[in-house]
Amino acid sequence: METTNFFSEVAALNITGDLQLTIRKGAENNWIVSVMLNNEQCGDDARKLIPPLNLKGTVNELDEGFFERITTPLQSASGLLDNMEAFMKQLEEAKTQSAMEKEKADKEKKAKEEKEKKFKEAMAKVDELEKEGNYRDAWMKVPDPAQFPEQAEVIRKRKTALSAKFAPDLFGAPETGVETTEPQEENTLFHEGPDNEKNLDEVEDNWEDDSETE
């Protein structure tokens, strides 16, 4: 039996996918060959739009020019399907990545909203205590800026404003007053007044008596 190189020629095409051949005898010794390349690995439905390659000729014409005629179109179709497959893989990867990014963004948004809610609730409690006049308790309830760094300036100003309202007693030091004493009257030998004149007369009389005795 004569050896043919048909399959060697097919292998030389170096294409990816399933090569489907439909051979049918036509009129006037002509043969019709339909060549279809299909790649099931390609997930793009657009692959189904690629039409089959139809050849028509006599046996001799097909023997001489079959592979010459199908090589370029099949290689182009194979490359197209490969590109479509790669595109679909990248598309799926992009979708997955997009879904992951969306999930990440949703989590970050939710965490941010919860943090903002917690901050607002804490500040609402501070407002309530301040209205009641409990400035020290309100100051203690002001959130820690380390937990809310984006609100650090607001927190600092609020603490400063509250501390100013109870600053004199910030450390619980009792107020001390200055003791005052009434000035005492100086001891004097002689006092002013009516009695003082009488005392002076008695002193003068005593001096006179002493002089006469001597």
N, C-alpha and C. Protein backbone atom coordinates (compact mmCIF):
# COMPACT_ATOMS: atom_id res chain seq x y z
N MET A 1 0.85 -1.19 0.00
CA MET A 1 0.00 0.00 0.00
C MET A 1 0.89 1.24 0.00
N GLU A 2 0.49 2.15 -0.82
CA GLU A 2 1.27 3.38 -0.94
C GLU A 2 1.13 4.21 0.33
N THR A 3 2.24 4.72 0.79
CA THR A 3 2.25 5.54 2.00
C THR A 3 1.87 6.97 1.66
N THR A 4 0.97 7.53 2.47
CA THR A 4 0.59 8.94 2.30
C THR A 4 1.21 9.76 3.44
N ASN A 5 1.33 11.02 3.21
CA ASN A 5 1.87 11.92 4.25
C ASN A 5 0.78 12.85 4.79
N PHE A 6 -0.46 12.40 4.70
CA PHE A 6 -1.60 13.24 5.10
C PHE A 6 -1.47 13.71 6.56
N PHE A 7 -1.25 12.75 7.46
CA PHE A 7 -1.22 13.11 8.88
C PHE A 7 0.04 13.89 9.24
N SER A 8 1.09 13.66 8.49
CA SER A 8 2.30 14.46 8.70
C SER A 8 2.03 15.92 8.35
N GLU A 9 1.27 16.10 7.29
CA GLU A 9 0.91 17.46 6.88
C GLU A 9 -0.02 18.11 7.91
N VAL A 10 -0.94 17.31 8.47
CA VAL A 10 -1.85 17.83 9.50
C VAL A 10 -1.05 18.25 10.74
N ALA A 11 -0.10 17.39 11.13
CA ALA A 11 0.71 17.72 12.29
C ALA A 11 1.54 18.97 12.06
N ALA A 12 1.95 19.17 10.81
CA ALA A 12 2.78 20.33 10.48
C ALA A 12 1.99 21.63 10.57
N LEU A 13 0.67 21.54 10.57
CA LEU A 13 -0.15 22.75 10.70
C LEU A 13 0.06 23.44 12.06
N ASN A 14 0.37 22.61 13.06
CA ASN A 14 0.62 23.14 14.42
C ASN A 14 -0.53 24.01 14.91
N ILE A 15 -1.71 23.44 14.90
CA ILE A 15 -2.90 24.17 15.32
C ILE A 15 -3.41 23.61 16.64
N THR A 16 -4.23 24.40 17.32
CA THR A 16 -4.81 24.00 18.59
C THR A 16 -6.31 23.80 18.41
N GLY A 17 -6.81 22.67 18.87
CA GLY A 17 -8.23 22.42 18.76
C GLY A 17 -8.53 21.14 18.01
N ASP A 18 -9.79 20.98 17.70
CA ASP A 18 -10.25 19.78 16.99
C ASP A 18 -10.46 20.13 15.51
N LEU A 19 -9.76 19.39 14.66
CA LEU A 19 -9.91 19.60 13.22
C LEU A 19 -10.96 18.64 12.69
N GLN A 20 -12.03 19.19 12.21
CA GLN A 20 -13.14 18.38 11.72
C GLN A 20 -13.21 18.49 10.19
N LEU A 21 -13.17 17.34 9.53
CA LEU A 21 -13.23 17.29 8.07
C LEU A 21 -14.52 16.61 7.63
N THR A 22 -15.19 17.24 6.72
CA THR A 22 -16.38 16.63 6.10
C THR A 22 -16.11 16.56 4.60
N ILE A 23 -16.11 15.33 4.10
CA ILE A 23 -15.79 15.13 2.68
C ILE A 23 -17.02 14.56 1.97
N ARG A 24 -17.36 15.22 0.89
CA ARG A 24 -18.55 14.78 0.15
C ARG A 24 -18.25 14.86 -1.36
N LYS A 25 -18.74 13.82 -2.09
CA LYS A 25 -18.53 13.79 -3.54
C LYS A 25 -19.55 14.69 -4.22
N GLY A 26 -19.05 15.55 -5.11
CA GLY A 26 -19.93 16.46 -5.81
C GLY A 26 -20.14 16.03 -7.26
N ALA A 27 -20.59 16.95 -8.05
CA ALA A 27 -20.87 16.65 -9.46
C ALA A 27 -19.59 16.77 -10.28
N GLU A 28 -19.61 16.06 -11.39
CA GLU A 28 -18.53 16.12 -12.38
C GLU A 28 -17.16 15.83 -11.76
N ASN A 29 -17.08 14.73 -11.04
CA ASN A 29 -15.83 14.25 -10.45
C ASN A 29 -15.18 15.25 -9.47
N ASN A 30 -15.95 16.14 -8.99
CA ASN A 30 -15.45 17.09 -7.99
C ASN A 30 -15.74 16.58 -6.58
N TRP A 31 -14.89 16.98 -5.71
CA TRP A 31 -15.08 16.64 -4.30
C TRP A 31 -15.18 17.95 -3.48
N ILE A 32 -16.03 17.89 -2.49
CA ILE A 32 -16.23 19.06 -1.60
C ILE A 32 -15.72 18.68 -0.21
N VAL A 33 -14.78 19.47 0.25
CA VAL A 33 -14.19 19.22 1.58
C VAL A 33 -14.49 20.43 2.47
N SER A 34 -15.09 20.15 3.60
CA SER A 34 -15.39 21.20 4.59
C SER A 34 -14.46 21.00 5.79
N VAL A 35 -13.69 22.04 6.08
CA VAL A 35 -12.71 21.97 7.18
C VAL A 35 -13.16 22.92 8.29
N MET A 36 -13.28 22.37 9.48
CA MET A 36 -13.75 23.17 10.62
C MET A 36 -12.81 22.96 11.81
N LEU A 37 -12.34 24.06 12.36
CA LEU A 37 -11.49 24.00 13.55
C LEU A 37 -12.29 24.47 14.76
N ASN A 38 -12.32 23.63 15.77
CA ASN A 38 -13.09 23.96 16.97
C ASN A 38 -12.19 23.79 18.20
N ASN A 39 -12.31 24.74 19.10
CA ASN A 39 -11.52 24.68 20.34
C ASN A 39 -12.48 24.82 21.52
N GLU A 40 -12.77 23.69 22.16
CA GLU A 40 -13.72 23.69 23.28
C GLU A 40 -13.15 24.38 24.52
N GLN A 41 -11.84 24.54 24.53
CA GLN A 41 -11.24 25.22 25.67
C GLN A 41 -11.52 26.71 25.68
N CYS A 42 -11.92 27.20 24.53
CA CYS A 42 -12.25 28.62 24.42
C CYS A 42 -13.66 28.85 24.92
N GLY A 43 -13.80 29.67 25.95
CA GLY A 43 -15.11 29.89 26.55
C GLY A 43 -15.93 30.98 25.88
N ASP A 44 -15.36 31.63 24.88
CA ASP A 44 -16.08 32.71 24.20
C ASP A 44 -17.00 32.11 23.14
N ASP A 45 -18.27 32.40 23.26
CA ASP A 45 -19.23 31.87 22.29
C ASP A 45 -19.01 32.43 20.89
N ALA A 46 -18.20 33.48 20.79
CA ALA A 46 -17.92 34.05 19.48
C ALA A 46 -17.17 33.05 18.59
N ARG A 47 -16.56 32.05 19.19
CA ARG A 47 -15.86 31.02 18.41
C ARG A 47 -16.80 30.30 17.45
N LYS A 48 -18.07 30.28 17.84
CA LYS A 48 -19.05 29.58 17.00
C LYS A 48 -19.37 30.35 15.73
N LEU A 49 -18.93 31.60 15.69
CA LEU A 49 -19.18 32.42 14.49
C LEU A 49 -18.15 32.18 13.39
N ILE A 50 -17.08 31.47 13.74
CA ILE A 50 -16.07 31.19 12.72
C ILE A 50 -16.62 30.14 11.75
N PRO A 51 -16.73 30.47 10.48
CA PRO A 51 -17.33 29.53 9.51
C PRO A 51 -16.34 28.45 9.10
N PRO A 52 -16.82 27.35 8.59
CA PRO A 52 -15.93 26.30 8.07
C PRO A 52 -15.28 26.75 6.77
N LEU A 53 -14.15 26.15 6.46
CA LEU A 53 -13.46 26.43 5.21
C LEU A 53 -13.86 25.36 4.19
N ASN A 54 -14.47 25.78 3.11
CA ASN A 54 -14.97 24.83 2.11
C ASN A 54 -14.07 24.86 0.87
N LEU A 55 -13.64 23.67 0.44
CA LEU A 55 -12.82 23.53 -0.75
C LEU A 55 -13.54 22.62 -1.75
N LYS A 56 -13.35 22.93 -3.01
CA LYS A 56 -13.99 22.13 -4.05
C LYS A 56 -12.99 21.92 -5.20
N GLY A 57 -12.85 20.65 -5.63
CA GLY A 57 -11.94 20.38 -6.72
C GLY A 57 -11.88 18.90 -7.02
N THR A 58 -11.11 18.59 -8.04
CA THR A 58 -10.93 17.19 -8.39
C THR A 58 -9.96 16.56 -7.40
N VAL A 59 -9.83 15.25 -7.48
CA VAL A 59 -8.94 14.53 -6.59
C VAL A 59 -7.51 15.05 -6.75
N ASN A 60 -7.07 15.21 -7.99
CA ASN A 60 -5.72 15.68 -8.24
C ASN A 60 -5.51 17.10 -7.70
N GLU A 61 -6.51 17.94 -7.92
CA GLU A 61 -6.39 19.32 -7.43
C GLU A 61 -6.29 19.37 -5.90
N LEU A 62 -7.08 18.55 -5.25
CA LEU A 62 -7.05 18.50 -3.79
C LEU A 62 -5.74 17.90 -3.29
N ASP A 63 -5.26 16.86 -3.97
CA ASP A 63 -3.99 16.27 -3.57
C ASP A 63 -2.85 17.29 -3.65
N GLU A 64 -2.87 18.09 -4.67
CA GLU A 64 -1.77 19.02 -4.90
C GLU A 64 -1.89 20.31 -4.07
N GLY A 65 -3.12 20.77 -3.86
CA GLY A 65 -3.24 22.09 -3.21
C GLY A 65 -4.03 22.14 -1.92
N PHE A 66 -4.45 20.98 -1.38
CA PHE A 66 -5.31 20.98 -0.19
C PHE A 66 -4.62 21.66 1.00
N PHE A 67 -3.46 21.17 1.36
CA PHE A 67 -2.79 21.72 2.56
C PHE A 67 -2.28 23.14 2.31
N GLU A 68 -1.93 23.41 1.07
CA GLU A 68 -1.50 24.76 0.76
C GLU A 68 -2.63 25.77 0.96
N ARG A 69 -3.84 25.34 0.63
CA ARG A 69 -5.00 26.23 0.74
C ARG A 69 -5.51 26.36 2.17
N ILE A 70 -5.36 25.31 2.98
CA ILE A 70 -5.96 25.37 4.33
C ILE A 70 -4.97 25.83 5.41
N THR A 71 -3.68 25.81 5.10
CA THR A 71 -2.69 26.11 6.15
C THR A 71 -2.87 27.50 6.74
N THR A 72 -2.85 28.52 5.90
CA THR A 72 -2.96 29.90 6.41
C THR A 72 -4.28 30.16 7.12
N PRO A 73 -5.43 29.80 6.50
CA PRO A 73 -6.70 30.04 7.20
C PRO A 73 -6.83 29.30 8.53
N LEU A 74 -6.38 28.02 8.55
CA LEU A 74 -6.50 27.26 9.79
C LEU A 74 -5.57 27.80 10.87
N GLN A 75 -4.37 28.19 10.48
CA GLN A 75 -3.46 28.77 11.47
C GLN A 75 -4.00 30.10 11.99
N SER A 76 -4.62 30.86 11.11
CA SER A 76 -5.22 32.13 11.54
C SER A 76 -6.37 31.88 12.50
N ALA A 77 -7.21 30.88 12.14
CA ALA A 77 -8.34 30.54 13.01
C ALA A 77 -7.86 30.00 14.35
N SER A 78 -6.80 29.18 14.29
CA SER A 78 -6.25 28.63 15.53
C SER A 78 -5.71 29.74 16.42
N GLY A 79 -5.00 30.68 15.78
CA GLY A 79 -4.48 31.81 16.55
C GLY A 79 -5.60 32.67 17.11
N LEU A 80 -6.65 32.84 16.34
CA LEU A 80 -7.80 33.61 16.81
C LEU A 80 -8.45 32.94 18.00
N LEU A 81 -8.64 31.63 17.90
CA LEU A 81 -9.25 30.90 19.01
C LEU A 81 -8.36 30.93 20.25
N ASP A 82 -7.04 30.83 20.02
CA ASP A 82 -6.11 30.91 21.15
C ASP A 82 -6.21 32.27 21.83
N ASN A 83 -6.26 33.31 21.01
CA ASN A 83 -6.38 34.66 21.55
C ASN A 83 -7.70 34.85 22.29
N MET A 84 -8.75 34.27 21.72
CA MET A 84 -10.05 34.37 22.36
C MET A 84 -10.04 33.63 23.70
N GLU A 85 -9.37 32.48 23.70
CA GLU A 85 -9.27 31.71 24.95
C GLU A 85 -8.50 32.50 26.00
N ALA A 86 -7.36 33.07 25.58
CA ALA A 86 -6.57 33.87 26.51
C ALA A 86 -7.36 35.08 26.99
N PHE A 87 -8.09 35.67 26.06
CA PHE A 87 -8.91 36.82 26.42
C PHE A 87 -9.96 36.45 27.45
N MET A 88 -10.61 35.30 27.24
CA MET A 88 -11.64 34.87 28.17
C MET A 88 -11.05 34.57 29.55
N LYS A 89 -9.86 33.98 29.56
CA LYS A 89 -9.22 33.71 30.85
C LYS A 89 -8.90 35.02 31.57
N GLN A 90 -8.37 35.97 30.81
CA GLN A 90 -8.06 37.26 31.41
C GLN A 90 -9.33 37.98 31.85
N LEU A 91 -10.38 37.80 31.06
CA LEU A 91 -11.66 38.41 31.41
C LEU A 91 -12.20 37.84 32.71
N GLU A 92 -12.13 36.51 32.82
CA GLU A 92 -12.59 35.86 34.05
C GLU A 92 -11.73 36.29 35.24
N GLU A 93 -10.44 36.39 34.99
CA GLU A 93 -9.54 36.82 36.06
C GLU A 93 -9.86 38.26 36.47
N ALA A 94 -10.15 39.08 35.45
CA ALA A 94 -10.50 40.47 35.74
C ALA A 94 -11.81 40.55 36.53
N LYS A 95 -12.76 39.70 36.16
CA LYS A 95 -14.03 39.68 36.89
C LYS A 95 -13.81 39.25 38.34
N THR A 96 -12.99 38.21 38.50
CA THR A 96 -12.70 37.74 39.86
C THR A 96 -12.00 38.81 40.67
N GLN A 97 -11.00 39.43 40.04
CA GLN A 97 -10.26 40.49 40.72
C GLN A 97 -11.18 41.65 41.06
N SER A 98 -12.05 41.97 40.11
CA SER A 98 -13.01 43.06 40.33
C SER A 98 -13.94 42.73 41.48
N ALA A 99 -14.38 41.47 41.54
CA ALA A 99 -15.26 41.05 42.64
C ALA A 99 -14.53 41.13 43.97
N MET A 100 -13.24 40.73 43.96
CA MET A 100 -12.45 40.79 45.19
C MET A 100 -12.25 42.24 45.63
N GLU A 101 -11.96 43.10 44.65
CA GLU A 101 -11.77 44.51 44.97
C GLU A 101 -13.05 45.13 45.49
N LYS A 102 -14.17 44.72 44.87
CA LYS A 102 -15.46 45.24 45.32
C LYS A 102 -15.76 44.78 46.74
N GLU A 103 -15.47 43.50 47.00
CA GLU A 103 -15.70 42.97 48.34
C GLU A 103 -14.81 43.69 49.36
N LYS A 104 -13.56 43.93 48.97
CA LYS A 104 -12.64 44.64 49.85
C LYS A 104 -13.13 46.06 50.10
N ALA A 105 -13.58 46.72 49.02
CA ALA A 105 -14.08 48.08 49.16
C ALA A 105 -15.33 48.12 50.03
N ASP A 106 -16.19 47.12 49.86
CA ASP A 106 -17.41 47.06 50.68
C ASP A 106 -17.07 46.87 52.16
N LYS A 107 -16.09 46.02 52.44
CA LYS A 107 -15.68 45.79 53.83
C LYS A 107 -15.10 47.06 54.43
N GLU A 108 -14.26 47.75 53.64
CA GLU A 108 -13.66 48.98 54.14
C GLU A 108 -14.73 50.05 54.38
N LYS A 109 -15.70 50.11 53.47
CA LYS A 109 -16.78 51.08 53.63
C LYS A 109 -17.61 50.78 54.87
N LYS A 110 -17.90 49.49 55.07
CA LYS A 110 -18.69 49.09 56.23
C LYS A 110 -17.94 49.39 57.52
N ALA A 111 -16.64 49.08 57.53
CA ALA A 111 -15.83 49.35 58.73
C ALA A 111 -15.76 50.84 59.02
N LYS A 112 -15.66 51.64 57.96
CA LYS A 112 -15.62 53.09 58.13
C LYS A 112 -16.93 53.62 58.68
N GLU A 113 -18.04 53.10 58.15
CA GLU A 113 -19.35 53.53 58.63
C GLU A 113 -19.56 53.15 60.09
N GLU A 114 -19.13 51.94 60.46
CA GLU A 114 -19.26 51.50 61.86
C GLU A 114 -18.40 52.37 62.78
N LYS A 115 -17.21 52.73 62.31
CA LYS A 115 -16.32 53.57 63.11
C LYS A 115 -16.91 54.96 63.29
N GLU A 116 -17.48 55.51 62.21
CA GLU A 116 -18.11 56.83 62.29
C GLU A 116 -19.31 56.79 63.23
N LYS A 117 -20.07 55.71 63.17
CA LYS A 117 -21.22 55.57 64.05
C LYS A 117 -20.78 55.52 65.51
N LYS A 118 -19.73 54.77 65.78
CA LYS A 118 -19.20 54.66 67.15
C LYS A 118 -18.73 56.02 67.65
N PHE A 119 -18.07 56.78 66.79
CA PHE A 119 -17.59 58.11 67.17
C PHE A 119 -18.75 59.05 67.47
N LYS A 120 -19.77 59.03 66.61
CA LYS A 120 -20.92 59.90 66.81
C LYS A 120 -21.66 59.56 68.10
N GLU A 121 -21.78 58.27 68.39
CA GLU A 121 -22.45 57.86 69.63
C GLU A 121 -21.66 58.33 70.85
N ALA A 122 -20.34 58.22 70.78
CA ALA A 122 -19.50 58.66 71.90
C ALA A 122 -19.62 60.17 72.11
N MET A 123 -19.61 60.92 71.02
CA MET A 123 -19.72 62.37 71.13
C MET A 123 -21.11 62.80 71.58
N ALA A 124 -22.12 62.02 71.22
CA ALA A 124 -23.48 62.32 71.68
C ALA A 124 -23.56 62.16 73.19
N LYS A 125 -22.88 61.16 73.73
CA LYS A 125 -22.84 60.96 75.18
C LYS A 125 -22.12 62.13 75.85
N VAL A 126 -21.06 62.60 75.21
CA VAL A 126 -20.33 63.76 75.74
C VAL A 126 -21.24 64.98 75.78
N ASP A 127 -22.01 65.19 74.71
CA ASP A 127 -22.95 66.32 74.66
C ASP A 127 -23.97 66.23 75.78
N GLU A 128 -24.46 65.02 76.00
CA GLU A 128 -25.47 64.81 77.04
C GLU A 128 -24.92 65.16 78.42
N LEU A 129 -23.73 64.68 78.71
CA LEU A 129 -23.12 64.96 80.01
C LEU A 129 -22.80 66.44 80.17
N GLU A 130 -22.41 67.07 79.09
CA GLU A 130 -22.09 68.50 79.15
C GLU A 130 -23.35 69.31 79.44
N LYS A 131 -24.45 68.95 78.82
CA LYS A 131 -25.71 69.66 79.07
C LYS A 131 -26.15 69.50 80.52
N GLU A 132 -25.83 68.37 81.12
CA GLU A 132 -26.18 68.13 82.51
C GLU A 132 -25.22 68.83 83.47
N GLY A 133 -24.17 69.42 82.93
CA GLY A 133 -23.20 70.11 83.77
C GLY A 133 -22.11 69.21 84.31
N ASN A 134 -22.09 67.96 83.88
CA ASN A 134 -21.06 67.02 84.33
C ASN A 134 -19.84 67.13 83.42
N TYR A 135 -19.13 68.25 83.55
CA TYR A 135 -18.03 68.52 82.62
C TYR A 135 -16.88 67.53 82.77
N ARG A 136 -16.59 67.15 84.01
CA ARG A 136 -15.50 66.20 84.22
C ARG A 136 -15.82 64.85 83.58
N ASP A 137 -17.06 64.36 83.80
CA ASP A 137 -17.46 63.08 83.20
C ASP A 137 -17.49 63.19 81.69
N ALA A 138 -17.94 64.34 81.20
CA ALA A 138 -17.96 64.55 79.74
C ALA A 138 -16.55 64.50 79.19
N TRP A 139 -15.61 65.13 79.91
CA TRP A 139 -14.21 65.13 79.47
C TRP A 139 -13.65 63.71 79.43
N MET A 140 -14.04 62.90 80.42
CA MET A 140 -13.57 61.52 80.47
C MET A 140 -14.14 60.67 79.34
N LYS A 141 -15.32 61.04 78.86
CA LYS A 141 -16.00 60.26 77.82
C LYS A 141 -15.58 60.65 76.41
N VAL A 142 -14.81 61.70 76.27
CA VAL A 142 -14.35 62.09 74.93
C VAL A 142 -13.48 60.96 74.38
N PRO A 143 -13.72 60.51 73.13
CA PRO A 143 -12.99 59.36 72.57
C PRO A 143 -11.48 59.58 72.53
N ASP A 144 -10.77 58.48 72.52
CA ASP A 144 -9.31 58.50 72.42
C ASP A 144 -8.91 58.83 70.98
N PRO A 145 -8.11 59.86 70.76
CA PRO A 145 -7.71 60.21 69.39
C PRO A 145 -6.93 59.11 68.69
N ALA A 146 -6.32 58.21 69.46
CA ALA A 146 -5.58 57.10 68.84
C ALA A 146 -6.52 56.15 68.12
N GLN A 147 -7.77 56.06 68.61
CA GLN A 147 -8.76 55.20 67.98
C GLN A 147 -9.44 55.88 66.80
N PHE A 148 -9.42 57.21 66.81
CA PHE A 148 -10.05 57.97 65.73
C PHE A 148 -9.07 59.04 65.25
N PRO A 149 -7.96 58.64 64.62
CA PRO A 149 -6.94 59.60 64.20
C PRO A 149 -7.45 60.65 63.23
N GLU A 150 -8.45 60.30 62.42
CA GLU A 150 -8.98 61.28 61.48
C GLU A 150 -9.80 62.36 62.18
N GLN A 151 -10.17 62.11 63.44
CA GLN A 151 -10.94 63.09 64.22
C GLN A 151 -10.09 63.69 65.34
N ALA A 152 -8.78 63.53 65.25
CA ALA A 152 -7.90 63.93 66.35
C ALA A 152 -8.04 65.41 66.69
N GLU A 153 -8.12 66.27 65.69
CA GLU A 153 -8.22 67.70 65.93
C GLU A 153 -9.54 68.06 66.61
N VAL A 154 -10.63 67.43 66.17
CA VAL A 154 -11.94 67.66 66.78
C VAL A 154 -11.92 67.23 68.25
N ILE A 155 -11.32 66.08 68.50
CA ILE A 155 -11.24 65.56 69.88
C ILE A 155 -10.41 66.48 70.75
N ARG A 156 -9.29 66.94 70.23
CA ARG A 156 -8.42 67.83 71.01
C ARG A 156 -9.14 69.11 71.40
N LYS A 157 -9.83 69.72 70.45
CA LYS A 157 -10.55 70.96 70.74
C LYS A 157 -11.66 70.73 71.75
N ARG A 158 -12.34 69.59 71.63
CA ARG A 158 -13.44 69.32 72.55
C ARG A 158 -12.93 69.12 73.97
N LYS A 159 -11.83 68.41 74.11
CA LYS A 159 -11.26 68.20 75.44
C LYS A 159 -10.79 69.51 76.05
N THR A 160 -10.19 70.35 75.22
CA THR A 160 -9.72 71.64 75.71
C THR A 160 -10.88 72.49 76.20
N ALA A 161 -11.97 72.50 75.43
CA ALA A 161 -13.14 73.30 75.81
C ALA A 161 -13.76 72.79 77.10
N LEU A 162 -13.81 71.48 77.26
CA LEU A 162 -14.42 70.91 78.48
C LEU A 162 -13.52 71.12 79.69
N SER A 163 -12.23 70.95 79.51
CA SER A 163 -11.32 71.11 80.65
C SER A 163 -11.32 72.54 81.16
N ALA A 164 -11.60 73.50 80.27
CA ALA A 164 -11.64 74.89 80.70
C ALA A 164 -12.79 75.16 81.66
N LYS A 165 -13.82 74.33 81.60
CA LYS A 165 -14.99 74.54 82.44
C LYS A 165 -14.82 74.02 83.85
N PHE A 166 -13.82 73.18 84.07
CA PHE A 166 -13.59 72.72 85.44
C PHE A 166 -12.10 72.79 85.78
N ALA A 167 -11.36 73.62 85.06
CA ALA A 167 -9.92 73.71 85.25
C ALA A 167 -9.50 74.10 86.66
N PRO A 168 -10.21 75.05 87.36
CA PRO A 168 -9.76 75.41 88.71
C PRO A 168 -9.74 74.23 89.67
N ASP A 169 -10.57 73.26 89.46
CA ASP A 169 -10.65 72.11 90.36
C ASP A 169 -10.20 70.84 89.64
N LEU A 170 -9.33 71.01 88.63
CA LEU A 170 -8.94 69.89 87.78
C LEU A 170 -8.27 68.78 88.57
N PHE A 171 -7.48 69.15 89.61
CA PHE A 171 -6.77 68.16 90.39
C PHE A 171 -7.38 67.95 91.77
N GLY A 172 -8.57 68.51 91.98
CA GLY A 172 -9.27 68.29 93.24
C GLY A 172 -8.64 68.99 94.41
N ALA A 173 -7.87 70.05 94.17
CA ALA A 173 -7.20 70.76 95.26
C ALA A 173 -8.20 71.67 95.95
N PRO A 174 -8.30 71.61 97.28
CA PRO A 174 -9.25 72.46 97.99
C PRO A 174 -8.81 73.91 97.94
N GLU A 175 -9.80 74.76 97.90
CA GLU A 175 -9.49 76.18 97.88
C GLU A 175 -9.04 76.60 99.27
N THR A 176 -7.98 77.38 99.36
CA THR A 176 -7.45 77.84 100.65
C THR A 176 -7.63 79.33 100.75
N GLY A 177 -8.12 79.78 101.92
CA GLY A 177 -8.33 81.21 102.12
C GLY A 177 -7.19 81.80 102.92
N VAL A 178 -7.07 83.09 102.90
CA VAL A 178 -6.02 83.79 103.63
C VAL A 178 -6.57 84.21 104.98
N GLU A 179 -5.91 83.73 106.02
CA GLU A 179 -6.38 84.07 107.37
C GLU A 179 -6.03 85.51 107.68
N THR A 180 -7.01 86.21 108.24
CA THR A 180 -6.78 87.61 108.62
C THR A 180 -7.00 87.74 110.11
N THR A 181 -6.20 88.50 110.74
CA THR A 181 -6.32 88.72 112.19
C THR A 181 -6.53 90.20 112.46
N GLU A 182 -7.34 90.46 113.45
CA GLU A 182 -7.60 91.84 113.83
C GLU A 182 -6.38 92.39 114.55
N PRO A 183 -5.96 93.57 114.20
CA PRO A 183 -4.80 94.15 114.90
C PRO A 183 -5.12 94.40 116.35
N GLN A 184 -4.21 93.99 117.25
CA GLN A 184 -4.42 94.17 118.69
C GLN A 184 -3.99 95.57 119.11
N GLU A 185 -4.70 96.07 120.13
CA GLU A 185 -4.38 97.40 120.63
C GLU A 185 -3.06 97.35 121.39
N GLU A 186 -2.23 98.32 121.15
CA GLU A 186 -0.95 98.38 121.83
C GLU A 186 -1.15 98.73 123.30
N ASN A 187 -0.34 98.10 124.16
CA ASN A 187 -0.39 98.42 125.59
C ASN A 187 0.28 99.78 125.81
N THR A 188 -0.46 100.69 126.33
CA THR A 188 0.08 102.03 126.59
C THR A 188 -0.03 102.35 128.07
N LEU A 189 0.88 103.10 128.48
CA LEU A 189 0.89 103.46 129.90
C LEU A 189 -0.26 104.38 130.25
N PHE A 190 -0.52 105.25 129.35
CA PHE A 190 -1.59 106.22 129.58
C PHE A 190 -2.62 106.09 128.50
N HIS A 191 -3.84 106.09 128.85
CA HIS A 191 -4.94 105.99 127.89
C HIS A 191 -5.60 107.33 127.76
N GLU A 192 -5.99 107.63 126.56
CA GLU A 192 -6.70 108.87 126.32
C GLU A 192 -8.11 108.78 126.86
N GLY A 193 -8.69 109.93 127.22
CA GLY A 193 -10.06 109.97 127.69
C GLY A 193 -10.16 110.72 128.99
N PRO A 194 -11.34 110.85 129.54
CA PRO A 194 -11.56 111.62 130.77
C PRO A 194 -10.79 111.04 131.93
N ASP A 195 -10.70 109.69 132.01
CA ASP A 195 -10.00 109.07 133.13
C ASP A 195 -8.53 109.37 133.09
N ASN A 196 -8.02 109.65 131.92
CA ASN A 196 -6.60 109.91 131.78
C ASN A 196 -6.20 111.20 132.48
N GLU A 197 -7.06 112.21 132.43
CA GLU A 197 -6.77 113.49 133.09
C GLU A 197 -6.70 113.29 134.59
N LYS A 198 -7.60 112.44 135.16
CA LYS A 198 -7.61 112.16 136.60
C LYS A 198 -6.33 111.48 137.02
N ASN A 199 -5.87 110.55 136.21
CA ASN A 199 -4.64 109.84 136.53
C ASN A 199 -3.45 110.78 136.54
N LEU A 200 -3.44 111.72 135.62
CA LEU A 200 -2.33 112.68 135.56
C LEU A 200 -2.29 113.55 136.81
N ASP A 201 -3.49 113.96 137.31
CA ASP A 201 -3.54 114.79 138.53
C ASP A 201 -3.00 114.01 139.72
N GLU A 202 -3.36 112.70 139.80
CA GLU A 202 -2.89 111.88 140.91
C GLU A 202 -1.39 111.74 140.88
N VAL A 203 -0.81 111.62 139.74
CA VAL A 203 0.64 111.49 139.60
C VAL A 203 1.33 112.76 140.06
N GLU A 204 0.76 113.93 139.68
CA GLU A 204 1.37 115.20 140.06
C GLU A 204 1.33 115.38 141.58
N ASP A 205 0.17 114.99 142.23
CA ASP A 205 0.05 115.12 143.68
C ASP A 205 1.09 114.25 144.37
N ASN A 206 1.29 113.07 143.86
CA ASN A 206 2.27 112.16 144.46
C ASN A 206 3.67 112.75 144.40
N TRP A 207 3.97 113.40 143.28
CA TRP A 207 5.28 114.01 143.12
C TRP A 207 5.45 115.15 144.12
N GLU A 208 4.41 115.93 144.39
CA GLU A 208 4.49 117.05 145.33
C GLU A 208 4.68 116.54 146.75
N ASP A 209 3.93 115.44 147.14
CA ASP A 209 4.06 114.88 148.48
C ASP A 209 5.47 114.36 148.73
N ASP A 210 6.02 113.76 147.76
CA ASP A 210 7.36 113.20 147.90
C ASP A 210 8.38 114.32 148.10
N SER A 211 8.12 115.46 147.42
CA SER A 211 9.07 116.58 147.52
C SER A 211 9.03 117.19 148.90
N GLU A 212 7.86 117.37 149.52
CA GLU A 212 7.73 117.96 150.85
C GLU A 212 8.34 117.05 151.90
N THR A 213 8.18 115.78 151.77
CA THR A 213 8.71 114.82 152.75
C THR A 213 10.20 114.93 152.83
N GLU A 214 10.85 115.10 151.70
CA GLU A 214 12.28 115.23 151.65
C GLU A 214 12.71 116.53 152.33
